[in-house]
Amino acid sequence: MGIQVVWFKRDLRWQDHAALALANQQGPVRCIYIHEPALWKQADAAAQHWDFIHQSLLDLADGLAQLGVPLEVYSGDPVGILKRLHAQAPFEALHSHQETGNQFTYERDKAVARWCHQQGVQWREQAQFGVVRALKHRSQWQPAWETLMAQPLAKVLPIQAWQSQAPAWPAFPALTSNGQSQRQTGGRLAGLQVLQSFLDMRCAGYRGGISSPLIAPQACSRLSPHLAYGCLSLREVVQATRQTLAQLPEDAQRKRAGLQHFMSRLYWHCHFIQKLESEPDIEWCNMHSGYDGIRESAFASDRFEALKQGRTGWPMVDACVVMLNATGWLNFRMRAMLVSVATYPLWLHWRPVGEWLATQFLDYEPGIHWSQMQMQAGTTGINTTRVYNPIKQARDHDPKGLFVRRWLPYMRKVPDDWLFEPWRMPPSVLSQTGLTLGKDLPVPLVELESATRWAKQRLHERRRQPEVQAGNAKVIAKHASQRGDRQVGTKRKPSRSQLSLDF
């Protein structure tokens, strides 16, 4: 039987790896990972993403070695690498998981498919998530999700390797060190530890705890980067969660509620990735073309730079930006608030804001990211406009200022009475703090209430136009959840305000 090449991409694990399991059944196996310099030049790529991947590759190499096969790592263009490997030792098939990535990886995969066709190499792709290629109608999605999640985990027995040793790995860019200790560690073993700690204990705080930036770092599952890079499979997380639910004693109500809520978000995780799979253009274009031109020409670069520097003047927003830069993570409500502030009172287009946030989120998953950016920006045409007031969010979720004072040192000098609107401090109080307004203490870029009212009015005027309303049906048919879709593990669907970039 011919050589079988397994190409690892965003599936950096050796268990429940359908592509590896199939390849192992069909012939001697060669496992490869390709570091793509061109990929890391894309606007949505960041050093922290590579740090996580590099850590995961080291873990993957150890796991594969225990199964009897080395991990070969190359750097370059995938088609060029595959040509070289095929010339060295012709292979019968290329195995991988399907990827719903950005436009760069989409075009790259099309180039690989053309090369495989030309060479007579079979490219066998397996489903990575509950996402359906060439989905004909949205009503078919939910049953396919259930079927995939219910299948037994793909077991990989000791592997018949094509060769016993791999060539030396190429030199990679140096790992970053800025704030690295505050970021999550990559690799399957780290992911399993996070999963177990969540199922054992932390899930009790999930429901009700994931909105607060103070509690969420522990209450959230923190599995999002491990799923984004495939250190764990979604199927094994779903099955482990269902098994834990089945074994809970009746008096474990908080854990049960937390895990049921978590299951709903795993379901919606794939629901959003399916949108990008079905319509790749939403990475770049408004999901509803009726909203074209509404923000593009009015982009204020100075406001965008202030946002990126954590200098908007709203403490809750700025603290979130600082935390995100230091840790690569924010809870879902604060992510939604950042996008809301950017696209409503600051009136910034979602695409450049999305590129920036993609580099900031360690768990960047293109399908979820771009779908959510558009939903929060109000350009889908089918979702309720949800605008997050950063002052109200601070009052609701950080009433004592613990969060903002942790991440914004100057806020430690601000009296409690002025935590939420420190720029309104009387001169006498301001002088006692030693802060200078507009220098040490940023002033809001716009007047929040009037700017938000104006933005909502602009959006709603566009929404009421007959031609825009006429286009809603097309978006609903392609992307909306269908009647009869059931939320996994619960009796109801979550409201749109519960959806997030993280879970």
Protein backbone atom coordinates (compact mmCIF):
# COMPACT_ATOMS: atom_id res chain seq x y z
CA MET A 1 0.00 0.00 0.00
CA GLY A 2 1.22 3.52 -0.81
CA ILE A 3 2.54 6.16 1.54
CA GLN A 4 -0.12 8.18 3.34
CA VAL A 5 0.79 11.78 4.25
CA VAL A 6 -1.05 13.39 7.16
CA TRP A 7 -0.96 17.19 6.98
CA PHE A 8 -1.55 18.78 10.39
CA LYS A 9 -2.98 22.30 10.28
CA ARG A 10 -5.34 23.55 13.00
CA ASP A 11 -5.73 20.03 14.41
CA LEU A 12 -2.65 19.68 16.62
CA ARG A 13 -3.57 16.49 18.49
CA TRP A 14 -2.98 12.78 18.13
CA GLN A 15 -6.23 11.50 19.66
CA ASP A 16 -9.65 11.66 18.00
CA HIS A 17 -7.81 12.66 14.84
CA ALA A 18 -9.92 11.20 12.02
CA ALA A 19 -7.38 11.97 9.30
CA LEU A 20 -4.56 10.22 11.16
CA ALA A 21 -6.75 7.23 11.99
CA LEU A 22 -7.82 6.77 8.35
CA ALA A 23 -4.28 7.16 7.02
CA ASN A 24 -3.05 4.55 9.49
CA GLN A 25 -5.52 2.04 8.06
CA GLN A 26 -4.34 2.53 4.50
CA GLY A 27 -0.56 2.37 4.50
CA PRO A 28 2.70 3.65 5.98
CA VAL A 29 2.20 7.10 7.46
CA ARG A 30 4.18 10.30 7.12
CA CYS A 31 3.13 13.16 9.46
CA ILE A 32 3.94 16.73 8.46
CA TYR A 33 3.32 20.30 9.62
CA ILE A 34 4.10 23.26 7.35
CA HIS A 35 5.05 26.62 8.80
CA GLU A 36 3.89 29.12 6.17
CA PRO A 37 5.82 32.44 6.20
CA ALA A 38 3.19 34.03 3.92
CA LEU A 39 0.43 33.12 6.38
CA TRP A 40 2.18 34.95 9.19
CA LYS A 41 2.29 38.12 7.12
CA GLN A 42 -1.50 38.30 7.01
CA ALA A 43 -3.23 41.13 8.88
CA ASP A 44 -5.00 38.75 11.28
CA ALA A 45 -1.85 36.84 12.35
CA ALA A 46 0.12 37.56 15.52
CA ALA A 47 3.19 36.29 17.34
CA GLN A 48 1.08 34.98 20.23
CA HIS A 49 -0.73 32.65 17.80
CA TRP A 50 2.58 31.18 16.71
CA ASP A 51 3.73 30.82 20.32
CA PHE A 52 0.68 28.70 21.07
CA ILE A 53 1.12 26.64 17.90
CA HIS A 54 4.83 26.09 18.56
CA GLN A 55 4.09 24.84 22.07
CA SER A 56 1.40 22.59 20.64
CA LEU A 57 3.77 21.21 18.00
CA LEU A 58 6.28 20.17 20.66
CA ASP A 59 3.49 18.35 22.48
CA LEU A 60 2.24 16.80 19.24
CA ALA A 61 5.71 15.54 18.35
CA ASP A 62 5.98 13.78 21.71
CA GLY A 63 2.53 12.22 21.34
CA LEU A 64 3.20 10.97 17.81
CA ALA A 65 6.59 9.59 18.85
CA GLN A 66 4.83 7.42 21.44
CA LEU A 67 2.67 6.06 18.60
CA GLY A 68 5.76 5.31 16.55
CA VAL A 69 5.87 8.08 13.96
CA PRO A 70 7.97 11.27 13.88
CA LEU A 71 6.53 14.71 13.15
CA GLU A 72 8.21 16.36 10.18
CA VAL A 73 8.09 20.15 10.25
CA TYR A 74 8.87 22.26 7.19
CA SER A 75 8.76 25.96 6.37
CA GLY A 76 7.58 27.31 3.03
CA ASP A 77 4.71 27.23 0.58
CA PRO A 78 2.61 24.08 1.07
CA VAL A 79 2.43 23.25 -2.65
CA GLY A 80 6.20 23.59 -2.95
CA ILE A 81 6.76 21.43 0.14
CA LEU A 82 4.37 18.75 -1.11
CA LYS A 83 6.07 18.72 -4.52
CA ARG A 84 9.43 18.17 -2.82
CA LEU A 85 8.14 15.39 -0.58
CA HIS A 86 6.39 13.70 -3.49
CA ALA A 87 9.58 13.79 -5.56
CA GLN A 88 11.48 12.31 -2.63
CA ALA A 89 8.98 9.52 -2.03
CA PRO A 90 5.73 9.51 -4.06
CA PHE A 91 2.69 9.26 -1.79
CA GLU A 92 -0.71 7.85 -2.58
CA ALA A 93 -2.92 10.13 -0.50
CA LEU A 94 -2.88 13.35 1.49
CA HIS A 95 -4.98 13.34 4.67
CA SER A 96 -6.10 16.36 6.69
CA HIS A 97 -9.04 17.93 8.44
CA GLN A 98 -11.24 20.47 6.72
CA GLU A 99 -10.41 24.05 7.64
CA THR A 100 -12.75 27.04 7.62
CA GLY A 101 -10.09 29.70 7.83
CA ASN A 102 -9.36 33.12 6.39
CA GLN A 103 -9.14 33.92 2.69
CA PHE A 104 -5.44 33.10 2.61
CA THR A 105 -5.93 29.53 3.81
CA TYR A 106 -8.96 29.14 1.55
CA GLU A 107 -6.91 30.06 -1.53
CA ARG A 108 -4.00 27.94 -0.30
CA ASP A 109 -6.24 24.89 0.05
CA LYS A 110 -7.59 25.41 -3.45
CA ALA A 111 -4.02 25.48 -4.75
CA VAL A 112 -3.22 22.25 -2.89
CA ALA A 113 -6.35 20.63 -4.31
CA ARG A 114 -5.29 21.56 -7.85
CA TRP A 115 -1.82 20.11 -7.29
CA CYS A 116 -3.24 16.87 -5.88
CA HIS A 117 -5.54 16.52 -8.89
CA GLN A 118 -2.68 17.09 -11.30
CA GLN A 119 -0.50 14.51 -9.55
CA GLY A 120 -3.21 11.91 -9.07
CA VAL A 121 -2.90 12.20 -5.29
CA GLN A 122 -6.13 11.68 -3.38
CA TRP A 123 -6.79 14.43 -0.84
CA ARG A 124 -9.05 13.03 1.87
CA GLU A 125 -10.39 15.70 4.21
CA GLN A 126 -12.29 14.89 7.40
CA ALA A 127 -14.74 17.09 9.29
CA GLN A 128 -13.00 19.04 12.05
CA PHE A 129 -16.10 20.65 13.59
CA GLY A 130 -19.83 20.31 13.10
CA VAL A 131 -19.50 22.29 9.87
CA VAL A 132 -20.86 20.96 6.59
CA ARG A 133 -19.10 21.50 3.27
CA ALA A 134 -21.39 22.48 0.38
CA LEU A 135 -24.39 22.76 2.70
CA LYS A 136 -27.48 23.00 0.49
CA HIS A 137 -29.93 24.25 3.09
CA ARG A 138 -29.48 25.46 6.65
CA SER A 139 -32.05 22.96 7.92
CA GLN A 140 -29.57 20.16 7.15
CA TRP A 141 -26.93 21.56 9.48
CA GLN A 142 -28.23 20.65 12.92
CA PRO A 143 -28.79 16.91 12.21
CA ALA A 144 -25.30 16.71 10.72
CA TRP A 145 -23.87 18.30 13.87
CA GLU A 146 -25.63 15.77 16.09
CA THR A 147 -24.47 12.85 13.94
CA LEU A 148 -20.82 13.89 14.05
CA MET A 149 -20.81 14.56 17.78
CA ALA A 150 -22.38 11.17 18.51
CA GLN A 151 -19.80 9.16 16.55
CA PRO A 152 -17.18 7.24 18.55
CA LEU A 153 -13.86 9.02 19.00
CA ALA A 154 -11.36 8.10 16.30
CA LYS A 155 -8.83 5.76 17.88
CA VAL A 156 -5.24 5.70 16.67
CA LEU A 157 -3.30 2.52 17.36
CA PRO A 158 0.48 2.26 17.03
CA ILE A 159 1.35 3.67 13.64
CA GLN A 160 3.24 2.07 10.79
CA ALA A 161 5.60 4.92 10.01
CA TRP A 162 7.15 5.54 6.60
CA GLN A 163 10.44 6.40 8.30
CA SER A 164 11.72 6.25 11.84
CA GLN A 165 13.39 9.66 12.03
CA ALA A 166 12.36 13.12 10.85
CA PRO A 167 14.68 15.78 9.47
CA ALA A 168 15.64 18.59 11.80
CA TRP A 169 12.99 21.25 12.23
CA PRO A 170 13.70 24.62 10.59
CA ALA A 171 14.58 27.65 12.65
CA PHE A 172 11.46 29.55 13.65
CA PRO A 173 10.89 33.15 14.75
CA ALA A 174 11.80 33.67 18.38
CA LEU A 175 8.94 33.21 20.81
CA THR A 176 7.58 36.39 22.33
CA SER A 177 8.10 37.11 26.01
CA ASN A 178 5.95 40.18 26.60
CA GLY A 179 3.22 39.08 28.98
CA GLN A 180 3.71 35.47 27.98
CA SER A 181 3.32 34.21 31.54
CA GLN A 182 -0.24 35.56 31.53
CA ARG A 183 -1.25 33.73 28.36
CA GLN A 184 -2.52 30.18 28.12
CA THR A 185 -0.06 27.45 27.23
CA GLY A 186 -0.52 25.48 24.03
CA GLY A 187 -0.59 21.72 23.63
CA ARG A 188 -2.94 18.81 24.09
CA LEU A 189 -1.80 17.97 27.61
CA ALA A 190 -2.45 21.53 28.77
CA GLY A 191 -5.85 21.43 27.05
CA LEU A 192 -6.82 18.20 28.82
CA GLN A 193 -5.93 19.75 32.17
CA VAL A 194 -8.09 22.78 31.42
CA LEU A 195 -11.00 20.56 30.36
CA GLN A 196 -10.76 18.38 33.45
CA SER A 197 -10.58 21.31 35.85
CA PHE A 198 -13.66 22.81 34.22
CA LEU A 199 -15.70 19.62 34.32
CA ASP A 200 -14.62 18.80 37.87
CA MET A 201 -15.07 22.16 39.56
CA ARG A 202 -15.11 25.38 37.58
CA CYS A 203 -18.31 24.62 35.67
CA ALA A 204 -20.27 25.42 38.84
CA GLY A 205 -19.56 29.10 38.28
CA TYR A 206 -20.16 29.09 34.53
CA ARG A 207 -23.75 30.23 34.45
CA GLY A 208 -23.85 33.71 35.89
CA GLY A 209 -20.08 34.00 36.11
CA ILE A 210 -19.05 34.36 32.49
CA SER A 211 -20.28 37.95 32.09
CA SER A 212 -18.06 39.55 34.72
CA PRO A 213 -14.46 40.30 33.75
CA LEU A 214 -13.56 39.64 37.37
CA ILE A 215 -15.06 36.15 37.67
CA ALA A 216 -14.98 34.98 34.06
CA PRO A 217 -11.27 34.03 33.90
CA GLN A 218 -12.10 31.12 36.19
CA ALA A 219 -15.80 30.63 35.41
CA CYS A 220 -15.32 30.32 31.63
CA SER A 221 -14.15 27.00 30.28
CA ARG A 222 -10.95 28.57 28.82
CA LEU A 223 -11.01 25.85 26.15
CA SER A 224 -11.38 28.22 23.20
CA PRO A 225 -7.69 28.33 22.11
CA HIS A 226 -7.36 24.56 22.46
CA LEU A 227 -10.35 24.09 20.18
CA ALA A 228 -9.25 26.82 17.77
CA TYR A 229 -5.93 25.05 17.17
CA GLY A 230 -7.31 21.55 17.51
CA CYS A 231 -5.36 20.43 20.58
CA LEU A 232 -8.69 18.95 21.62
CA SER A 233 -11.46 17.89 19.29
CA LEU A 234 -14.88 19.43 19.69
CA ARG A 235 -16.36 15.94 19.68
CA GLU A 236 -14.33 14.78 22.67
CA VAL A 237 -15.27 17.93 24.59
CA VAL A 238 -18.96 17.41 23.79
CA GLN A 239 -18.85 13.76 24.79
CA ALA A 240 -16.88 14.42 27.97
CA THR A 241 -19.36 17.12 28.96
CA ARG A 242 -22.35 14.87 28.27
CA GLN A 243 -20.78 12.07 30.27
CA THR A 244 -20.13 14.39 33.19
CA LEU A 245 -23.73 15.62 33.06
CA ALA A 246 -25.02 12.05 33.10
CA GLN A 247 -22.96 11.22 36.18
CA LEU A 248 -23.77 14.30 38.27
CA PRO A 249 -25.72 13.68 41.48
CA GLU A 250 -29.14 15.30 41.66
CA ASP A 251 -28.02 17.89 44.20
CA ALA A 252 -25.27 19.26 41.91
CA GLN A 253 -27.59 21.87 40.46
CA ARG A 254 -25.00 24.59 39.86
CA LYS A 255 -22.71 22.24 37.96
CA ARG A 256 -25.62 20.91 35.94
CA ALA A 257 -26.80 24.40 34.99
CA GLY A 258 -23.27 25.43 34.11
CA LEU A 259 -22.61 22.42 31.90
CA GLN A 260 -25.96 22.70 30.13
CA HIS A 261 -25.23 26.35 29.38
CA PHE A 262 -21.74 25.39 28.18
CA MET A 263 -23.19 22.76 25.85
CA SER A 264 -25.40 25.39 24.23
CA ARG A 265 -22.35 27.48 23.43
CA LEU A 266 -20.53 24.51 21.88
CA TYR A 267 -23.50 24.17 19.58
CA TRP A 268 -23.45 27.84 18.62
CA HIS A 269 -19.67 27.65 18.12
CA CYS A 270 -20.22 25.58 14.98
CA HIS A 271 -23.36 27.48 14.02
CA PHE A 272 -21.23 30.59 13.52
CA ILE A 273 -18.33 28.87 11.75
CA GLN A 274 -20.87 27.46 9.28
CA LYS A 275 -21.67 31.03 8.21
CA LEU A 276 -18.11 31.63 6.97
CA GLU A 277 -17.98 28.15 5.42
CA SER A 278 -21.16 28.86 3.48
CA GLU A 279 -20.19 32.41 2.51
CA PRO A 280 -16.42 33.11 2.68
CA ASP A 281 -16.95 36.71 1.56
CA ILE A 282 -18.27 37.73 4.99
CA GLU A 283 -14.64 38.01 6.08
CA TRP A 284 -14.50 41.11 3.88
CA CYS A 285 -18.01 42.16 2.85
CA ASN A 286 -21.15 43.01 4.75
CA MET A 287 -23.31 39.93 5.15
CA HIS A 288 -26.20 42.07 3.97
CA SER A 289 -25.15 44.26 1.04
CA GLY A 290 -27.79 46.80 1.98
CA TYR A 291 -25.40 48.09 4.64
CA ASP A 292 -22.58 48.77 2.19
CA GLY A 293 -21.14 52.26 2.54
CA ILE A 294 -22.71 53.05 5.88
CA ARG A 295 -19.41 53.28 7.80
CA GLU A 296 -16.61 52.91 5.26
CA SER A 297 -16.18 56.55 4.24
CA ALA A 298 -16.44 57.92 7.78
CA PHE A 299 -13.59 55.90 9.32
CA ALA A 300 -11.81 58.00 11.95
CA SER A 301 -8.22 56.78 12.26
CA ASP A 302 -7.53 58.85 15.37
CA ARG A 303 -10.40 57.17 17.21
CA PHE A 304 -9.18 53.76 16.10
CA GLU A 305 -5.65 54.45 17.36
CA ALA A 306 -7.00 55.65 20.70
CA LEU A 307 -9.05 52.47 21.01
CA LYS A 308 -6.02 50.26 20.28
CA GLN A 309 -3.96 52.16 22.86
CA GLY A 310 -6.63 51.88 25.56
CA ARG A 311 -7.22 55.64 25.54
CA THR A 312 -10.93 55.95 24.78
CA GLY A 313 -11.60 57.61 28.13
CA TRP A 314 -14.13 55.00 29.26
CA PRO A 315 -12.31 53.05 32.00
CA MET A 316 -14.09 49.74 31.38
CA VAL A 317 -13.17 49.81 27.69
CA ASP A 318 -9.58 50.83 28.28
CA ALA A 319 -9.06 48.24 31.03
CA CYS A 320 -10.35 45.55 28.66
CA VAL A 321 -7.90 46.61 25.96
CA VAL A 322 -4.98 46.50 28.41
CA MET A 323 -6.02 43.08 29.73
CA LEU A 324 -6.47 41.73 26.23
CA ASN A 325 -3.01 42.90 25.22
CA ALA A 326 -1.47 41.29 28.29
CA THR A 327 -3.34 37.99 28.31
CA GLY A 328 -4.78 37.40 24.84
CA TRP A 329 -8.20 36.80 26.38
CA LEU A 330 -11.42 38.52 27.40
CA ASN A 331 -14.78 37.13 28.39
CA PHE A 332 -17.60 37.25 25.87
CA ARG A 333 -19.50 40.27 27.21
CA MET A 334 -16.42 42.46 27.28
CA ARG A 335 -15.55 41.38 23.72
CA ALA A 336 -19.03 42.33 22.61
CA MET A 337 -18.70 45.64 24.44
CA LEU A 338 -15.43 46.45 22.66
CA VAL A 339 -16.97 45.83 19.24
CA SER A 340 -20.10 47.74 20.20
CA VAL A 341 -18.14 50.80 21.34
CA ALA A 342 -15.99 50.65 18.22
CA THR A 343 -18.87 50.37 15.75
CA TYR A 344 -21.49 52.62 17.38
CA PRO A 345 -20.27 55.65 19.35
CA LEU A 346 -16.86 55.57 17.60
CA TRP A 347 -18.55 54.64 14.28
CA LEU A 348 -15.65 52.52 13.02
CA HIS A 349 -16.04 49.94 10.27
CA TRP A 350 -15.91 46.37 11.56
CA ARG A 351 -13.22 45.11 9.17
CA PRO A 352 -10.13 47.00 10.48
CA VAL A 353 -11.38 46.64 14.03
CA GLY A 354 -11.77 42.92 13.38
CA GLU A 355 -8.24 42.61 12.02
CA TRP A 356 -6.86 44.25 15.14
CA LEU A 357 -8.93 42.09 17.49
CA ALA A 358 -7.93 38.96 15.58
CA THR A 359 -4.32 39.65 16.50
CA GLN A 360 -5.30 40.31 20.11
CA PHE A 361 -7.41 37.17 20.66
CA LEU A 362 -5.25 34.12 21.32
CA ASP A 363 -8.29 31.98 20.48
CA TYR A 364 -8.94 33.66 17.12
CA GLU A 365 -11.23 31.41 15.11
CA PRO A 366 -12.05 33.08 11.76
CA GLY A 367 -15.54 31.61 11.37
CA ILE A 368 -16.69 32.76 14.78
CA HIS A 369 -14.77 36.01 14.68
CA TRP A 370 -16.06 37.51 11.45
CA SER A 371 -19.62 36.33 11.99
CA GLN A 372 -19.62 37.92 15.43
CA MET A 373 -18.00 41.14 14.25
CA GLN A 374 -20.79 41.62 11.76
CA MET A 375 -23.53 40.64 14.19
CA GLN A 376 -22.31 43.15 16.78
CA ALA A 377 -21.84 45.83 14.09
CA GLY A 378 -25.42 45.38 12.85
CA THR A 379 -24.57 44.50 9.24
CA THR A 380 -26.20 41.06 9.09
CA GLY A 381 -29.67 42.48 8.64
CA ILE A 382 -31.21 39.66 10.69
CA ASN A 383 -30.02 40.30 14.25
CA THR A 384 -31.39 42.71 16.83
CA THR A 385 -29.21 45.79 17.30
CA ARG A 386 -27.34 45.32 20.57
CA VAL A 387 -25.42 48.27 21.87
CA TYR A 388 -23.38 47.93 25.06
CA ASN A 389 -23.04 51.04 27.21
CA PRO A 390 -19.53 50.90 28.75
CA ILE A 391 -20.58 52.94 31.77
CA LYS A 392 -23.50 50.65 32.50
CA GLN A 393 -21.29 47.60 31.99
CA ALA A 394 -18.86 48.96 34.56
CA ARG A 395 -21.64 49.59 37.07
CA ASP A 396 -23.11 46.12 36.52
CA HIS A 397 -19.94 44.04 36.40
CA ASP A 398 -17.27 46.03 38.24
CA PRO A 399 -19.16 48.13 40.80
CA LYS A 400 -16.16 48.47 43.13
CA GLY A 401 -13.67 49.20 40.40
CA LEU A 402 -11.54 46.15 41.11
CA PHE A 403 -11.14 45.30 37.45
CA VAL A 404 -10.36 48.77 36.12
CA ARG A 405 -7.96 49.47 38.97
CA ARG A 406 -6.09 46.26 38.31
CA TRP A 407 -5.42 47.08 34.66
CA LEU A 408 -5.36 50.90 34.75
CA PRO A 409 -2.96 52.09 37.49
CA TYR A 410 -4.14 55.70 37.22
CA MET A 411 -7.64 54.60 38.25
CA ARG A 412 -6.26 53.65 41.67
CA LYS A 413 -6.04 57.36 42.39
CA VAL A 414 -9.66 58.02 41.45
CA PRO A 415 -12.16 58.13 44.36
CA ASP A 416 -14.95 55.56 44.37
CA ASP A 417 -17.59 58.22 43.68
CA TRP A 418 -16.00 58.95 40.29
CA LEU A 419 -15.06 55.46 39.15
CA PHE A 420 -17.48 55.29 36.25
CA GLU A 421 -17.06 58.82 34.85
CA PRO A 422 -13.72 60.07 36.20
CA TRP A 423 -13.49 62.85 33.63
CA ARG A 424 -16.38 64.56 35.43
CA MET A 425 -14.43 65.00 38.68
CA PRO A 426 -14.61 68.61 39.97
CA PRO A 427 -11.30 70.48 39.71
CA SER A 428 -10.84 70.29 43.47
CA VAL A 429 -11.15 66.51 43.49
CA LEU A 430 -9.04 66.12 40.35
CA SER A 431 -6.20 68.14 41.88
CA GLN A 432 -6.16 65.84 44.91
CA THR A 433 -5.58 62.83 42.65
CA GLY A 434 -2.53 64.38 41.04
CA LEU A 435 -3.87 63.39 37.61
CA THR A 436 -4.01 65.68 34.61
CA LEU A 437 -7.18 65.45 32.57
CA GLY A 438 -6.40 64.61 28.96
CA LYS A 439 -2.90 63.41 29.81
CA ASP A 440 -2.79 60.98 32.75
CA LEU A 441 -6.55 60.58 32.65
CA PRO A 442 -7.96 60.27 29.10
CA VAL A 443 -11.12 62.11 28.16
CA PRO A 444 -13.86 60.25 26.23
CA LEU A 445 -13.40 60.59 22.49
CA VAL A 446 -17.07 61.44 21.97
CA GLU A 447 -20.08 62.22 24.11
CA LEU A 448 -21.37 58.68 24.63
CA GLU A 449 -25.12 59.21 24.72
CA SER A 450 -25.43 61.51 21.72
CA ALA A 451 -22.90 59.58 19.61
CA THR A 452 -24.67 56.30 20.30
CA ARG A 453 -28.07 57.79 19.55
CA TRP A 454 -26.78 59.17 16.24
CA ALA A 455 -25.21 55.83 15.27
CA LYS A 456 -28.35 53.84 16.03
CA GLN A 457 -30.43 56.32 14.09
CA ARG A 458 -28.16 55.95 11.04
CA LEU A 459 -28.34 52.17 11.21
CA HIS A 460 -32.09 52.03 11.75
CA GLU A 461 -32.73 54.46 8.88
CA ARG A 462 -30.85 52.10 6.60
CA ARG A 463 -32.66 49.09 8.04
CA ARG A 464 -36.07 50.60 7.28
CA GLN A 465 -35.32 51.10 3.59
CA PRO A 466 -37.54 48.81 1.46
CA GLU A 467 -34.64 47.42 -0.56
CA VAL A 468 -32.77 46.53 2.63
CA GLN A 469 -35.80 44.81 4.12
CA ALA A 470 -36.27 42.92 0.86
CA GLY A 471 -32.76 41.51 1.16
CA ASN A 472 -33.29 40.09 4.64
CA ALA A 473 -34.93 36.89 3.39
CA LYS A 474 -31.81 35.84 1.49
CA VAL A 475 -29.62 36.25 4.58
CA ILE A 476 -32.11 34.39 6.77
CA ALA A 477 -32.32 31.46 4.35
CA LYS A 478 -28.54 31.11 4.21
CA HIS A 479 -27.42 31.86 7.74
CA ALA A 480 -30.22 31.90 10.32
CA SER A 481 -30.88 29.01 12.66
CA GLN A 482 -33.91 27.11 11.38
CA ARG A 483 -37.13 26.32 13.16
CA GLY A 484 -36.69 22.96 14.83
CA ASP A 485 -33.02 23.43 15.63
CA ARG A 486 -32.55 22.27 19.19
CA GLN A 487 -29.94 23.57 21.51
CA VAL A 488 -27.74 20.73 22.64
CA GLY A 489 -28.16 19.70 26.25
CA THR A 490 -30.81 22.29 27.13
CA LYS A 491 -34.48 22.95 26.54
CA ARG A 492 -34.13 26.37 24.96
CA LYS A 493 -31.91 28.38 22.72
CA PRO A 494 -29.81 31.17 24.17
CA SER A 495 -30.69 34.74 23.44
CA ARG A 496 -28.44 36.49 20.96
CA SER A 497 -26.89 38.46 23.84
CA GLN A 498 -25.44 35.20 25.15
CA LEU A 499 -23.51 34.48 21.98
CA SER A 500 -19.84 35.22 22.01
CA LEU A 501 -16.39 34.92 20.52
CA ASP A 502 -15.41 32.79 23.51
CA PHE A 503 -16.99 30.24 25.79
